[in-house]
Amino acid sequence: MGITIQEAARTSGLSAHTLRYYERIGLIHEVERDAAGHRSYTGSDLAWLEFLTKLRTTGMPIADMCRYAALRRRGPETAAERRRMLEVHRERVRERIARLSEDLAVLDHKIDSYHAMEIT
């Protein structure tokens, strides 16, 4: 027995609208329905949503996420292609982190400058 869409939304941090959208565009499979016809999310559904959230948070475009999801549905024979997709994405994330680190250094320098002005 799974959980309702509202509970899945609360657990995943995604809105019910986003969950329906993800299902509609194929990011998640058609979710099982209970006897009343309501969506019923399982633990594996929630784990997949958590992974999708990580991909989105780290900047993977929805189109790439859909491609990854389609490959996943095809099974283990797509493991190498999925790994390559994640490696490419990981490199983009590392580049973004490096740029953010540079930006942070500028902010730190500016804050230190203001702190020095306050002391004098």
C-alpha atoms as a PDB file:
ATOM      1  CA  MET A   1       0.000   0.000   0.000  1.00  0.00           C
ATOM      2  CA  GLY A   2       1.361   3.392  -0.991  1.00  0.00           C
ATOM      3  CA  ILE A   3       0.804   6.989  -0.032  1.00  0.00           C
ATOM      4  CA  THR A   4      -1.429   9.660  -1.549  1.00  0.00           C
ATOM      5  CA  ILE A   5      -0.251  12.374  -3.886  1.00  0.00           C
ATOM      6  CA  GLN A   6      -0.532  14.910  -1.065  1.00  0.00           C
ATOM      7  CA  GLU A   7       1.682  12.765   1.171  1.00  0.00           C
ATOM      8  CA  ALA A   8       4.115  12.198  -1.693  1.00  0.00           C
ATOM      9  CA  ALA A   9       4.221  15.943  -2.303  1.00  0.00           C
ATOM     10  CA  ARG A  10       4.916  16.616   1.361  1.00  0.00           C
ATOM     11  CA  THR A  11       7.602  13.905   1.512  1.00  0.00           C
ATOM     12  CA  SER A  12       9.325  14.855  -1.750  1.00  0.00           C
ATOM     13  CA  GLY A  13       9.061  18.622  -1.406  1.00  0.00           C
ATOM     14  CA  LEU A  14       7.440  18.768  -4.842  1.00  0.00           C
ATOM     15  CA  SER A  15       3.935  20.068  -5.410  1.00  0.00           C
ATOM     16  CA  ALA A  16       1.095  17.750  -6.403  1.00  0.00           C
ATOM     17  CA  HIS A  17       0.966  19.684  -9.670  1.00  0.00           C
ATOM     18  CA  THR A  18       4.663  18.918 -10.301  1.00  0.00           C
ATOM     19  CA  LEU A  19       4.110  15.237  -9.547  1.00  0.00           C
ATOM     20  CA  ARG A  20       1.275  15.092 -12.079  1.00  0.00           C
ATOM     21  CA  TYR A  21       3.418  17.005 -14.591  1.00  0.00           C
ATOM     22  CA  TYR A  22       6.347  14.611 -14.098  1.00  0.00           C
ATOM     23  CA  GLU A  23       3.992  11.702 -14.731  1.00  0.00           C
ATOM     24  CA  ARG A  24       2.496  13.373 -17.814  1.00  0.00           C
ATOM     25  CA  ILE A  25       5.900  14.029 -19.444  1.00  0.00           C
ATOM     26  CA  GLY A  26       7.245  10.585 -18.594  1.00  0.00           C
ATOM     27  CA  LEU A  27       9.733  11.439 -15.853  1.00  0.00           C
ATOM     28  CA  ILE A  28       7.915   9.022 -13.603  1.00  0.00           C
ATOM     29  CA  HIS A  29       5.933   6.010 -14.727  1.00  0.00           C
ATOM     30  CA  GLU A  30       2.186   6.015 -14.541  1.00  0.00           C
ATOM     31  CA  VAL A  31       1.685   5.780 -10.803  1.00  0.00           C
ATOM     32  CA  GLU A  32      -0.381   2.880  -9.476  1.00  0.00           C
ATOM     33  CA  ARG A  33      -3.933   3.689  -8.418  1.00  0.00           C
ATOM     34  CA  ASP A  34      -5.777   2.531  -5.320  1.00  0.00           C
ATOM     35  CA  ALA A  35      -9.293   1.058  -5.345  1.00  0.00           C
ATOM     36  CA  ALA A  36     -10.778   4.565  -5.411  1.00  0.00           C
ATOM     37  CA  GLY A  37      -8.661   5.510  -8.428  1.00  0.00           C
ATOM     38  CA  HIS A  38      -6.288   7.803  -6.511  1.00  0.00           C
ATOM     39  CA  ARG A  39      -2.553   7.753  -7.159  1.00  0.00           C
ATOM     40  CA  SER A  40      -0.649   5.579  -4.712  1.00  0.00           C
ATOM     41  CA  TYR A  41       3.090   6.290  -4.458  1.00  0.00           C
ATOM     42  CA  THR A  42       5.473   3.574  -3.244  1.00  0.00           C
ATOM     43  CA  GLY A  43       8.845   3.813  -1.548  1.00  0.00           C
ATOM     44  CA  SER A  44      10.594   3.217  -4.865  1.00  0.00           C
ATOM     45  CA  ASP A  45       8.540   6.038  -6.430  1.00  0.00           C
ATOM     46  CA  LEU A  46       9.695   8.358  -3.646  1.00  0.00           C
ATOM     47  CA  ALA A  47      13.341   7.281  -4.066  1.00  0.00           C
ATOM     48  CA  TRP A  48      13.111   8.004  -7.805  1.00  0.00           C
ATOM     49  CA  LEU A  49      11.538  11.413  -7.098  1.00  0.00           C
ATOM     50  CA  GLU A  50      14.378  12.180  -4.701  1.00  0.00           C
ATOM     51  CA  PHE A  51      16.922  11.376  -7.414  1.00  0.00           C
ATOM     52  CA  LEU A  52      15.024  13.459  -9.980  1.00  0.00           C
ATOM     53  CA  THR A  53      15.020  16.346  -7.501  1.00  0.00           C
ATOM     54  CA  LYS A  54      18.817  16.057  -7.176  1.00  0.00           C
ATOM     55  CA  LEU A  55      19.176  16.162 -10.959  1.00  0.00           C
ATOM     56  CA  ARG A  56      16.930  19.207 -11.204  1.00  0.00           C
ATOM     57  CA  THR A  57      18.563  20.997  -8.263  1.00  0.00           C
ATOM     58  CA  THR A  58      21.964  20.510  -9.862  1.00  0.00           C
ATOM     59  CA  GLY A  59      20.721  22.048 -13.087  1.00  0.00           C
ATOM     60  CA  MET A  60      19.949  19.124 -15.375  1.00  0.00           C
ATOM     61  CA  PRO A  61      17.471  20.266 -18.034  1.00  0.00           C
ATOM     62  CA  ILE A  62      14.065  18.572 -18.015  1.00  0.00           C
ATOM     63  CA  ALA A  63      14.695  17.225 -21.530  1.00  0.00           C
ATOM     64  CA  ASP A  64      17.847  15.437 -20.321  1.00  0.00           C
ATOM     65  CA  MET A  65      15.982  14.132 -17.292  1.00  0.00           C
ATOM     66  CA  CYS A  66      13.300  12.728 -19.614  1.00  0.00           C
ATOM     67  CA  ARG A  67      15.981  11.065 -21.749  1.00  0.00           C
ATOM     68  CA  TYR A  68      17.549   9.563 -18.630  1.00  0.00           C
ATOM     69  CA  ALA A  69      14.129   8.316 -17.412  1.00  0.00           C
ATOM     70  CA  ALA A  70      13.404   6.741 -20.796  1.00  0.00           C
ATOM     71  CA  LEU A  71      16.757   4.955 -20.726  1.00  0.00           C
ATOM     72  CA  ARG A  72      16.086   3.753 -17.186  1.00  0.00           C
ATOM     73  CA  ARG A  73      12.777   2.246 -18.264  1.00  0.00           C
ATOM     74  CA  ARG A  74      14.582   0.267 -20.983  1.00  0.00           C
ATOM     75  CA  GLY A  75      16.575  -1.533 -18.328  1.00  0.00           C
ATOM     76  CA  PRO A  76      20.155  -2.565 -17.540  1.00  0.00           C
ATOM     77  CA  GLU A  77      21.310  -2.556 -21.175  1.00  0.00           C
ATOM     78  CA  THR A  78      21.275   1.265 -21.003  1.00  0.00           C
ATOM     79  CA  ALA A  79      23.502   1.474 -17.920  1.00  0.00           C
ATOM     80  CA  ALA A  80      26.558   2.679 -19.869  1.00  0.00           C
ATOM     81  CA  GLU A  81      24.597   5.453 -21.581  1.00  0.00           C
ATOM     82  CA  ARG A  82      23.036   6.540 -18.296  1.00  0.00           C
ATOM     83  CA  ARG A  83      26.465   6.558 -16.648  1.00  0.00           C
ATOM     84  CA  ARG A  84      27.828   8.752 -19.472  1.00  0.00           C
ATOM     85  CA  MET A  85      24.906  11.154 -19.078  1.00  0.00           C
ATOM     86  CA  LEU A  86      25.600  11.445 -15.356  1.00  0.00           C
ATOM     87  CA  GLU A  87      29.331  11.918 -15.958  1.00  0.00           C
ATOM     88  CA  VAL A  88      28.646  14.795 -18.358  1.00  0.00           C
ATOM     89  CA  HIS A  89      26.211  16.300 -15.902  1.00  0.00           C
ATOM     90  CA  ARG A  90      28.686  15.863 -13.033  1.00  0.00           C
ATOM     91  CA  GLU A  91      31.284  17.827 -15.001  1.00  0.00           C
ATOM     92  CA  ARG A  92      28.784  20.663 -15.558  1.00  0.00           C
ATOM     93  CA  VAL A  93      28.023  20.657 -11.823  1.00  0.00           C
ATOM     94  CA  ARG A  94      31.737  20.792 -10.980  1.00  0.00           C
ATOM     95  CA  GLU A  95      32.206  23.731 -13.359  1.00  0.00           C
ATOM     96  CA  ARG A  96      29.255  25.506 -11.760  1.00  0.00           C
ATOM     97  CA  ILE A  97      30.672  24.888  -8.281  1.00  0.00           C
ATOM     98  CA  ALA A  98      34.027  26.316  -9.396  1.00  0.00           C
ATOM     99  CA  ARG A  99      32.327  29.472 -10.705  1.00  0.00           C
ATOM    100  CA  LEU A 100      30.340  29.792  -7.498  1.00  0.00           C
ATOM    101  CA  SER A 101      33.519  29.371  -5.452  1.00  0.00           C
ATOM    102  CA  GLU A 102      35.108  32.220  -7.396  1.00  0.00           C
ATOM    103  CA  ASP A 103      32.024  34.374  -6.805  1.00  0.00           C
ATOM    104  CA  LEU A 104      32.107  33.499  -3.120  1.00  0.00           C
ATOM    105  CA  ALA A 105      35.753  34.570  -2.901  1.00  0.00           C
ATOM    106  CA  VAL A 106      34.796  37.975  -4.330  1.00  0.00           C
ATOM    107  CA  LEU A 107      32.021  38.328  -1.752  1.00  0.00           C
ATOM    108  CA  ASP A 108      34.383  37.290   1.058  1.00  0.00           C
ATOM    109  CA  HIS A 109      36.900  39.893  -0.092  1.00  0.00           C
ATOM    110  CA  LYS A 110      34.241  42.608  -0.171  1.00  0.00           C
ATOM    111  CA  ILE A 111      32.968  41.659   3.300  1.00  0.00           C
ATOM    112  CA  ASP A 112      36.534  41.716   4.646  1.00  0.00           C
ATOM    113  CA  SER A 113      36.986  45.179   3.108  1.00  0.00           C
ATOM    114  CA  TYR A 114      33.883  46.469   4.866  1.00  0.00           C
ATOM    115  CA  HIS A 115      34.938  44.842   8.115  1.00  0.00           C
ATOM    116  CA  ALA A 116      38.343  46.566   7.877  1.00  0.00           C
ATOM    117  CA  MET A 117      36.614  49.922   7.257  1.00  0.00           C
ATOM    118  CA  GLU A 118      34.462  49.435  10.370  1.00  0.00           C
ATOM    119  CA  ILE A 119      37.488  48.759  12.584  1.00  0.00           C
ATOM    120  CA  THR A 120      39.380  51.882  11.567  1.00  0.00           C
END
